[in-house]
Every structure is written in C-alpha cells, then in structure tokens.
Protein backbone atom coordinates (compact mmCIF):
# COMPACT_ATOMS: atom_id res chain seq x y z
CA MET A 1 -74.64 -47.86 29.05
CA GLY A 2 -72.53 -50.32 27.09
CA GLY A 3 -71.44 -53.82 28.03
CA ASP A 4 -73.24 -57.00 28.93
CA TYR A 5 -74.40 -55.89 32.38
CA ALA A 6 -74.71 -52.11 32.13
CA PRO A 7 -75.48 -49.79 33.70
CA GLY A 8 -75.67 -51.72 37.00
CA VAL A 9 -72.18 -53.20 36.90
CA VAL A 10 -70.65 -49.85 35.90
CA ILE A 11 -72.17 -48.07 38.88
CA GLU A 12 -71.25 -50.94 41.19
CA GLY A 13 -67.68 -50.49 39.96
CA LEU A 14 -68.03 -46.77 40.58
CA THR A 15 -68.77 -47.43 44.26
CA LEU A 16 -65.35 -49.11 44.47
CA ALA A 17 -63.68 -46.24 42.58
CA LEU A 18 -65.17 -43.60 44.88
CA GLU A 19 -63.48 -45.29 47.80
CA ALA A 20 -60.19 -45.97 46.00
CA TYR A 21 -59.92 -42.65 44.16
CA PRO A 22 -61.88 -40.01 46.10
CA GLU A 23 -59.85 -37.25 44.43
CA TYR A 24 -61.65 -37.76 41.10
CA ASP A 25 -64.97 -36.34 39.90
CA TYR A 26 -67.12 -38.76 37.92
CA VAL A 27 -69.48 -37.97 35.04
CA LEU A 28 -71.96 -40.74 34.20
CA VAL A 29 -73.18 -40.56 30.60
CA GLY A 30 -76.32 -42.43 29.58
CA HIS A 31 -80.04 -42.77 30.18
CA GLU A 32 -80.60 -40.59 33.24
CA GLU A 33 -83.60 -42.43 34.66
CA LYS A 34 -81.84 -45.80 34.53
CA ILE A 35 -78.67 -44.34 36.01
CA ARG A 36 -80.54 -42.75 38.91
CA PHE A 37 -82.20 -46.08 39.71
CA TYR A 38 -78.80 -47.68 40.31
CA LEU A 39 -77.40 -44.64 42.10
CA ASP A 40 -80.31 -44.96 44.54
CA LYS A 41 -79.70 -48.71 44.83
CA TYR A 42 -76.07 -48.21 45.83
CA GLY A 43 -76.66 -45.16 48.02
CA LEU A 44 -74.94 -42.70 45.70
CA ALA A 45 -77.89 -40.47 44.77
CA ASP A 46 -76.60 -37.41 46.61
CA ASN A 47 -72.87 -37.93 46.17
CA PRO A 48 -71.30 -34.57 45.21
CA LYS A 49 -68.53 -36.31 43.24
CA ILE A 50 -71.04 -37.64 40.68
CA SER A 51 -72.86 -35.83 37.89
CA ILE A 52 -75.03 -37.14 35.05
CA VAL A 53 -75.17 -36.24 31.37
CA HIS A 54 -78.27 -37.65 29.70
CA ALA A 55 -77.83 -39.62 26.46
CA ALA A 56 -80.98 -41.16 25.04
CA SER A 57 -79.52 -43.87 22.79
CA VAL A 58 -77.31 -46.90 23.34
CA CYS A 59 -74.96 -48.51 20.81
CA GLU A 60 -75.88 -52.18 21.10
CA MET A 61 -73.18 -54.80 20.64
CA SER A 62 -74.95 -56.07 17.51
CA ASP A 63 -74.92 -52.61 15.86
CA PRO A 64 -72.39 -51.78 13.12
CA SER A 65 -69.32 -49.78 14.15
CA THR A 66 -70.49 -46.59 12.43
CA ILE A 67 -73.79 -46.54 14.34
CA SER A 68 -72.54 -43.91 16.83
CA LEU A 69 -71.87 -41.45 14.02
CA ARG A 70 -74.73 -42.08 11.59
CA GLN A 71 -77.89 -43.20 13.35
CA LYS A 72 -77.29 -42.82 17.10
CA LYS A 73 -75.63 -39.43 17.39
CA ASP A 74 -77.19 -39.04 20.84
CA SER A 75 -75.65 -42.26 22.17
CA SER A 76 -73.69 -42.40 25.41
CA ILE A 77 -70.48 -43.19 23.49
CA THR A 78 -70.84 -40.15 21.23
CA ALA A 79 -71.76 -37.92 24.17
CA CYS A 80 -68.65 -39.11 26.06
CA ALA A 81 -66.44 -38.30 23.09
CA ARG A 82 -67.91 -34.81 22.86
CA LEU A 83 -67.30 -34.16 26.55
CA LEU A 84 -63.68 -35.20 26.09
CA LYS A 85 -63.34 -33.06 22.97
CA SER A 86 -64.59 -29.98 24.82
CA LYS A 87 -62.25 -30.66 27.77
CA GLN A 88 -65.17 -31.03 30.18
CA VAL A 89 -63.62 -34.35 31.23
CA ASP A 90 -60.01 -35.56 31.25
CA ALA A 91 -60.62 -39.20 30.29
CA MET A 92 -63.30 -41.52 28.96
CA VAL A 93 -63.97 -45.09 30.12
CA THR A 94 -66.45 -47.47 28.47
CA PRO A 95 -67.08 -51.23 28.52
CA GLY A 96 -69.32 -50.72 25.51
CA HIS A 97 -69.17 -51.27 21.75
CA THR A 98 -65.46 -51.24 20.78
CA GLY A 99 -66.04 -50.47 17.10
CA ALA A 100 -68.47 -47.65 17.84
CA THR A 101 -66.06 -46.17 20.39
CA VAL A 102 -63.15 -46.29 17.95
CA ALA A 103 -65.26 -44.72 15.18
CA ALA A 104 -66.68 -41.95 17.37
CA THR A 105 -63.41 -40.98 19.02
CA LYS A 106 -61.40 -41.04 15.77
CA VAL A 107 -63.88 -38.68 14.10
CA ILE A 108 -64.77 -36.43 17.04
CA LEU A 109 -61.43 -36.25 18.86
CA ARG A 110 -59.12 -36.79 15.87
CA SER A 111 -55.58 -38.11 16.24
CA LEU A 112 -52.77 -36.56 18.23
CA PRO A 113 -50.46 -34.21 16.26
CA GLY A 114 -48.22 -36.31 14.02
CA VAL A 115 -50.19 -39.54 14.54
CA ASP A 116 -51.86 -41.03 11.48
CA ARG A 117 -54.15 -43.62 13.12
CA PRO A 118 -54.92 -44.53 16.73
CA ALA A 119 -54.32 -48.14 17.78
CA LEU A 120 -55.90 -50.40 20.38
CA ALA A 121 -53.40 -51.78 22.92
CA ALA A 122 -54.58 -55.07 24.44
CA CYS A 123 -52.72 -56.55 27.42
CA MET A 124 -52.32 -60.33 27.09
CA PRO A 125 -50.85 -63.06 29.32
CA ALA A 126 -47.43 -64.57 28.73
CA GLN A 127 -45.55 -67.34 30.52
CA GLU A 128 -43.84 -64.70 32.64
CA GLY A 129 -46.04 -61.64 33.10
CA ARG A 130 -47.88 -59.99 30.23
CA PHE A 131 -47.31 -58.36 26.85
CA LEU A 132 -49.06 -55.67 24.83
CA LEU A 133 -50.63 -56.33 21.44
CA VAL A 134 -50.79 -53.17 19.27
CA ASP A 135 -52.99 -52.94 17.17
CA ALA A 136 -55.66 -55.29 18.51
CA GLY A 137 -58.33 -54.39 15.98
CA ALA A 138 -58.78 -50.66 15.34
CA ASN A 139 -57.11 -50.64 11.88
CA PRO A 140 -57.54 -53.67 9.60
CA ASP A 141 -55.48 -52.05 6.83
CA CYS A 142 -52.16 -50.41 7.72
CA THR A 143 -49.06 -48.86 6.20
CA PRO A 144 -45.46 -49.28 7.43
CA LEU A 145 -45.71 -45.79 8.96
CA ASN A 146 -48.71 -46.91 11.02
CA LEU A 147 -46.79 -49.89 12.42
CA LEU A 148 -43.77 -47.72 13.23
CA GLN A 149 -45.99 -45.37 15.18
CA PHE A 150 -47.72 -48.31 16.91
CA ALA A 151 -44.28 -49.50 18.05
CA ILE A 152 -43.43 -46.16 19.63
CA MET A 153 -46.85 -45.72 21.26
CA GLY A 154 -46.90 -49.30 22.52
CA GLY A 155 -43.41 -48.91 23.96
CA ILE A 156 -44.44 -45.84 25.93
CA TYR A 157 -47.53 -47.55 27.32
CA ALA A 158 -45.51 -50.64 28.25
CA GLU A 159 -43.19 -48.42 30.28
CA TYR A 160 -46.19 -47.34 32.33
CA LEU A 161 -48.22 -50.56 32.49
CA LEU A 162 -45.50 -53.23 32.59
CA LYS A 163 -42.93 -51.05 34.38
CA ILE A 164 -40.21 -51.98 31.87
CA LYS A 165 -37.62 -49.28 31.15
CA SER A 166 -36.68 -50.51 27.66
CA PRO A 167 -39.42 -52.91 26.51
CA LYS A 168 -38.64 -55.42 23.76
CA ILE A 169 -40.75 -54.61 20.71
CA GLY A 170 -41.47 -57.35 18.19
CA LEU A 171 -43.19 -57.40 14.80
CA LEU A 172 -45.82 -60.11 14.31
CA SER A 173 -44.92 -62.18 11.25
CA VAL A 174 -44.82 -65.73 9.86
CA GLY A 175 -41.07 -66.21 10.36
CA GLY A 176 -38.16 -64.85 12.33
CA GLU A 177 -36.11 -63.90 9.27
CA ASP A 178 -36.50 -60.42 7.78
CA SER A 179 -37.13 -61.99 4.36
CA LYS A 180 -40.36 -63.63 5.54
CA GLY A 181 -43.80 -62.10 5.88
CA SER A 182 -46.06 -59.86 3.85
CA GLU A 183 -44.92 -56.81 1.93
CA LEU A 184 -46.17 -54.75 4.88
CA THR A 185 -44.10 -56.59 7.49
CA LYS A 186 -40.98 -56.81 5.32
CA GLU A 187 -40.97 -53.07 4.64
CA THR A 188 -41.76 -52.31 8.28
CA PHE A 189 -38.91 -54.58 9.44
CA LYS A 190 -36.41 -52.58 7.38
CA ARG A 191 -37.47 -49.32 9.01
CA MET A 192 -38.14 -50.59 12.53
CA GLY A 193 -34.43 -51.05 13.23
CA GLU A 194 -33.89 -47.33 12.60
CA LEU A 195 -36.22 -46.32 15.43
CA PRO A 196 -34.92 -45.43 18.92
CA ILE A 197 -36.55 -48.56 20.39
CA ASN A 198 -35.45 -51.99 21.61
CA PHE A 199 -36.43 -53.87 18.44
CA ALA A 200 -36.61 -57.65 18.93
CA GLY A 201 -37.22 -58.47 15.25
CA ASN A 202 -39.97 -60.64 13.80
CA VAL A 203 -42.00 -62.70 16.25
CA GLU A 204 -44.08 -65.72 15.26
CA ALA A 205 -47.47 -66.32 16.84
CA ASP A 206 -46.33 -69.51 18.58
CA SER A 207 -43.71 -67.65 20.61
CA VAL A 208 -45.58 -64.53 21.69
CA PHE A 209 -46.90 -66.23 24.82
CA GLU A 210 -43.37 -67.36 25.72
CA GLY A 211 -42.31 -63.73 26.21
CA ALA A 212 -40.53 -63.11 22.91
CA ALA A 213 -41.58 -59.46 23.09
CA ASN A 214 -43.06 -57.05 25.63
CA VAL A 215 -44.89 -55.23 22.83
CA LEU A 216 -46.13 -57.06 19.75
CA VAL A 217 -46.81 -54.79 16.79
CA SER A 218 -49.31 -55.80 14.11
CA ASP A 219 -51.92 -54.47 11.74
CA GLY A 220 -55.38 -54.56 13.30
CA PHE A 221 -56.59 -57.47 11.16
CA ALA A 222 -53.87 -59.95 12.16
CA GLY A 223 -53.80 -58.58 15.69
CA ASN A 224 -57.51 -59.10 16.21
CA VAL A 225 -57.31 -62.62 14.75
CA LEU A 226 -54.55 -63.43 17.26
CA LEU A 227 -56.53 -61.88 20.13
CA LYS A 228 -59.80 -63.65 19.34
CA GLY A 229 -58.00 -66.93 18.64
CA ALA A 230 -56.30 -66.76 22.05
CA GLU A 231 -59.61 -65.99 23.78
CA GLY A 232 -61.31 -68.89 22.02
CA LEU A 233 -58.49 -71.29 22.86
CA ALA A 234 -58.64 -70.28 26.53
CA LYS A 235 -62.38 -70.98 26.68
CA SER A 236 -61.99 -74.31 24.88
CA THR A 237 -59.14 -75.34 27.20
CA ILE A 238 -61.40 -74.81 30.21
CA HIS A 239 -64.08 -76.90 28.48
CA TRP A 240 -61.60 -79.70 27.72
CA LEU A 241 -60.31 -79.69 31.29
CA LYS A 242 -63.81 -80.04 32.69
CA LEU A 243 -64.52 -82.82 30.21
CA VAL A 244 -61.49 -84.97 31.05
CA LEU A 245 -61.58 -84.30 34.78
CA SER A 246 -65.22 -85.38 35.11
CA LYS A 247 -64.74 -88.81 33.52
CA ASN A 248 -64.45 -90.66 36.82
CA ALA A 249 -64.63 -90.17 40.58
CA ILE A 250 -60.87 -90.23 41.14
CA ARG A 251 -60.31 -87.40 38.67
CA LEU A 252 -63.14 -85.41 40.26
CA ILE A 253 -61.50 -85.78 43.66
CA GLY A 254 -58.15 -84.67 42.19
CA ALA A 255 -59.81 -81.69 40.52
CA SER A 256 -61.43 -80.71 43.83
CA LEU A 257 -58.07 -80.84 45.60
CA ALA A 258 -56.53 -78.71 42.84
CA LYS A 259 -59.33 -76.14 42.91
CA ASN A 260 -57.07 -73.31 44.10
CA ALA A 261 -54.54 -74.11 41.37
CA PHE A 262 -57.26 -73.90 38.72
CA ARG A 263 -58.37 -70.57 40.18
CA GLU A 264 -54.82 -69.23 39.88
CA LEU A 265 -54.59 -70.54 36.32
CA LYS A 266 -57.78 -68.72 35.37
CA ALA A 267 -56.39 -65.50 36.84
CA PHE A 268 -53.47 -65.55 34.37
CA GLY A 269 -55.82 -64.73 31.51
CA SER A 270 -58.20 -62.49 33.44
CA ALA A 271 -58.62 -58.97 32.10
CA ASP A 272 -60.14 -57.73 35.36
CA GLU A 273 -56.81 -56.53 36.80
CA ILE A 274 -56.01 -54.54 33.65
CA GLY A 275 -59.49 -53.05 33.34
CA GLY A 276 -59.36 -51.97 29.72
CA ALA A 277 -57.33 -51.26 26.61
CA PRO A 278 -56.29 -47.70 25.74
CA LEU A 279 -56.89 -46.31 22.29
CA LEU A 280 -53.35 -45.00 21.76
CA GLY A 281 -52.85 -41.95 19.55
CA VAL A 282 -56.31 -40.45 19.80
CA ASN A 283 -56.45 -36.85 21.07
CA GLY A 284 -57.73 -37.75 24.53
CA ILE A 285 -57.46 -40.57 27.06
CA VAL A 286 -59.88 -43.32 26.00
CA ILE A 287 -60.02 -46.67 27.83
CA ILE A 288 -62.16 -49.44 26.31
CA GLY A 289 -63.14 -52.25 28.66
CA HIS A 290 -64.32 -55.76 27.86
CA GLY A 291 -68.05 -56.18 27.23
CA SER A 292 -68.28 -58.63 30.13
CA SER A 293 -66.51 -56.29 32.57
CA ASN A 294 -67.34 -56.88 36.23
CA PRO A 295 -67.14 -54.21 38.98
CA LYS A 296 -63.45 -54.94 39.59
CA ALA A 297 -62.69 -54.44 35.88
CA VAL A 298 -64.60 -51.13 35.91
CA LEU A 299 -62.60 -50.01 38.95
CA ASN A 300 -59.31 -50.85 37.24
CA ALA A 301 -60.34 -49.19 33.97
CA ILE A 302 -60.95 -46.01 35.95
CA ARG A 303 -57.55 -46.45 37.64
CA VAL A 304 -55.82 -46.82 34.26
CA ALA A 305 -57.60 -43.76 32.86
CA GLY A 306 -56.53 -41.60 35.79
CA ASP A 307 -52.98 -42.91 35.69
CA CYS A 308 -52.67 -42.21 31.96
CA VAL A 309 -53.61 -38.58 32.61
CA LYS A 310 -51.06 -38.32 35.44
CA PHE A 311 -48.44 -40.19 33.39
CA GLY A 312 -48.79 -37.64 30.58
CA LEU A 313 -49.22 -40.46 28.06
CA ASN A 314 -50.38 -38.37 25.11
CA ASP A 315 -47.72 -35.69 25.56
CA MET A 316 -45.06 -38.41 25.55
CA ILE A 317 -46.49 -39.97 22.38
CA VAL A 318 -46.40 -36.67 20.49
CA GLU A 319 -42.86 -35.93 21.70
CA ARG A 320 -41.35 -39.33 20.87
CA ILE A 321 -43.01 -39.70 17.46
CA LYS A 322 -41.61 -36.30 16.52
CA ALA A 323 -38.15 -37.17 17.88
CA ALA A 324 -38.16 -40.47 15.95
CA GLY A 325 -38.93 -38.68 12.69
CA VAL A 326 -42.06 -40.71 11.94
CA GLU A 327 -44.65 -37.95 12.09
CA PHE A 328 -47.57 -38.39 9.72
CA GLY A 329 -47.19 -36.02 6.76
CA ALA A 330 -43.51 -35.32 7.42
CA GLU A 331 -42.31 -37.62 4.64
CA SER A 332 -44.54 -36.13 1.96
CA ALA A 333 -43.71 -32.62 3.17
CA GLY A 334 -39.98 -33.39 2.91
C-alpha cells in the first residue's frame, strides 16, 4: 500500500513478475477491497499464485518512522514483517515508508546473529557502472563496530549485485589520509585494514562517482546526506539542461537530435533496473523500493528479493561476520 502510486503500480508490476517468475507465490498485504479492485482490473482475480492478507492501515509518507509500531500496528508494513517473522513468506518487498519499514523490521524481525544494526544498501551510479552506499540512512549514529559490519555485509551484497569477486571497499571521509575525518572514521580506519576485505582506504565525496570504491561505507547520517544530495543534484542538472537548451531555436534543434543521448544519460541514474535497496543484517530478506517506483522497478525489486533468498545472503553475512571476529557482543564477552 506504500509508495506514490500504490496499490495500482504494485499490482501492475506483479503482472510482469508473474510472467518473469512463475515459480514464486505472491502474498499481497494491504487493504483487501482496494487490492481486489486492481486484481480485477489486470485480470488476476483468480490467479492461484496470489493470496491476500488484509491490513487496514497505511503508513503515509508524511508519518513519523515509529508510526508502524506505535499507532498503526495493523499497517501493511507491520503485517508484512510479521509474516516474514513467522516464516510464512521468504522475503518482503515494499515501495513504502522507508523509516517505518526499518523501524518495524528491526523490532519485529531483530538482527541476524552477531549483527548489531541492520544497514540500508543503496545502489548508486558511477562513471563506470555502479557502487553501493552502506548505510544509506537506517542508522544516523554509529560505532566503529557498526561500520566494520557494514563493510562486510556490503561486500557480500556487491558480490551478488555487481558481480565483483573482491569488491573495493572504501570509508567515506573528508580526506584520503588516515589522520583525517571524525573520531568515528579514524577509529574505523585503524580496524578496517584488519578485516578480510579489499580495503581501499578513505574516500572523499568528490571521488565516489569516479569509481574509487565498489562499496562505500558510512554512518547513516552522512550516507543519507550524500544520497539525497546526489538525487537533488541530478534533478537540478536536468532543470539546468532544459533551461539552457531552450534559449533559442538552434539549441532546441540540437536537443531534439540528441534526444536518445539524453535518454541514455537519464538511465544512468535510474533506480528502476535495481528495484530496491536491501536492509542488510535484519533477520529476513527485506527489499525497500523507491516511493516513486514504477511497474518495472516493482518487478526488479521482486527479482532482487528472490535472488537474495537463492543467493543465501543472510547465511553468508552471519558466517563472514563470525569469521572476521566482529560479532556484536564478542568484544565485551572476551
């Protein structure tokens, strides 16, 4: 029920997923009457691969993050998390309220064994390919242990998503030298080199889009600032291009001739092919899509969710965090 165009766009995306992934069963969680309207519209009313779980409330985008736990306990997001907790489903996909999803899944599902805090992994464009930003906003305040775990989890996900055997992992900071940065980044830098990862050192914000790292590790505050700043710059760049290209007839003709090039340029930053960002480290597969997800993005979010289950993502996270000696609680226990 979440997102800018739900539930219609979600069910339209489901029609694509049923054709692409007929081996899956799909559980639609939300207001049953509204869901059935769109199932009828798209000819899916009697499809045996689809079932409905009624959830009366919706976490609106303007609601605070804790709304799913305090005032709307019967929301579709909370109901999804409970289904995942009880193993009635294998994965959860939502283009809804990111904060509410993070809050509900962290409380209901809890973290994987050894993981302190789950992190949001956003896939962003670079000059050559893409890179992962971990954490993109789930944890504003972090410890060095959190960042170490984000590095390991992000590296595993990059192996799946980016198909890179030994991804370069960088630490977001204000300078390349280990002496620069906050107390958090300086302490994390010291310990990052001890991990069994391909550590690329500190990475400044002006070089992340040049491919300085395949995985960029950050606390959720700085990571979200970088993410939102990049989104805002992309929108403004499109505005500036339209402004300068419409100043005279010659430029308009040139812009028309370059229409396909502009379409390709827009595709570099499109999140539709990725579908959604996983909440890494939570005890279940949770994929959070963009609020403005279109049917193609919904299809790809479903693809990512299924692939993460097949990939054994969570089992690999637990295994590698234990092997690296950065399990939550292990230090205090020792």
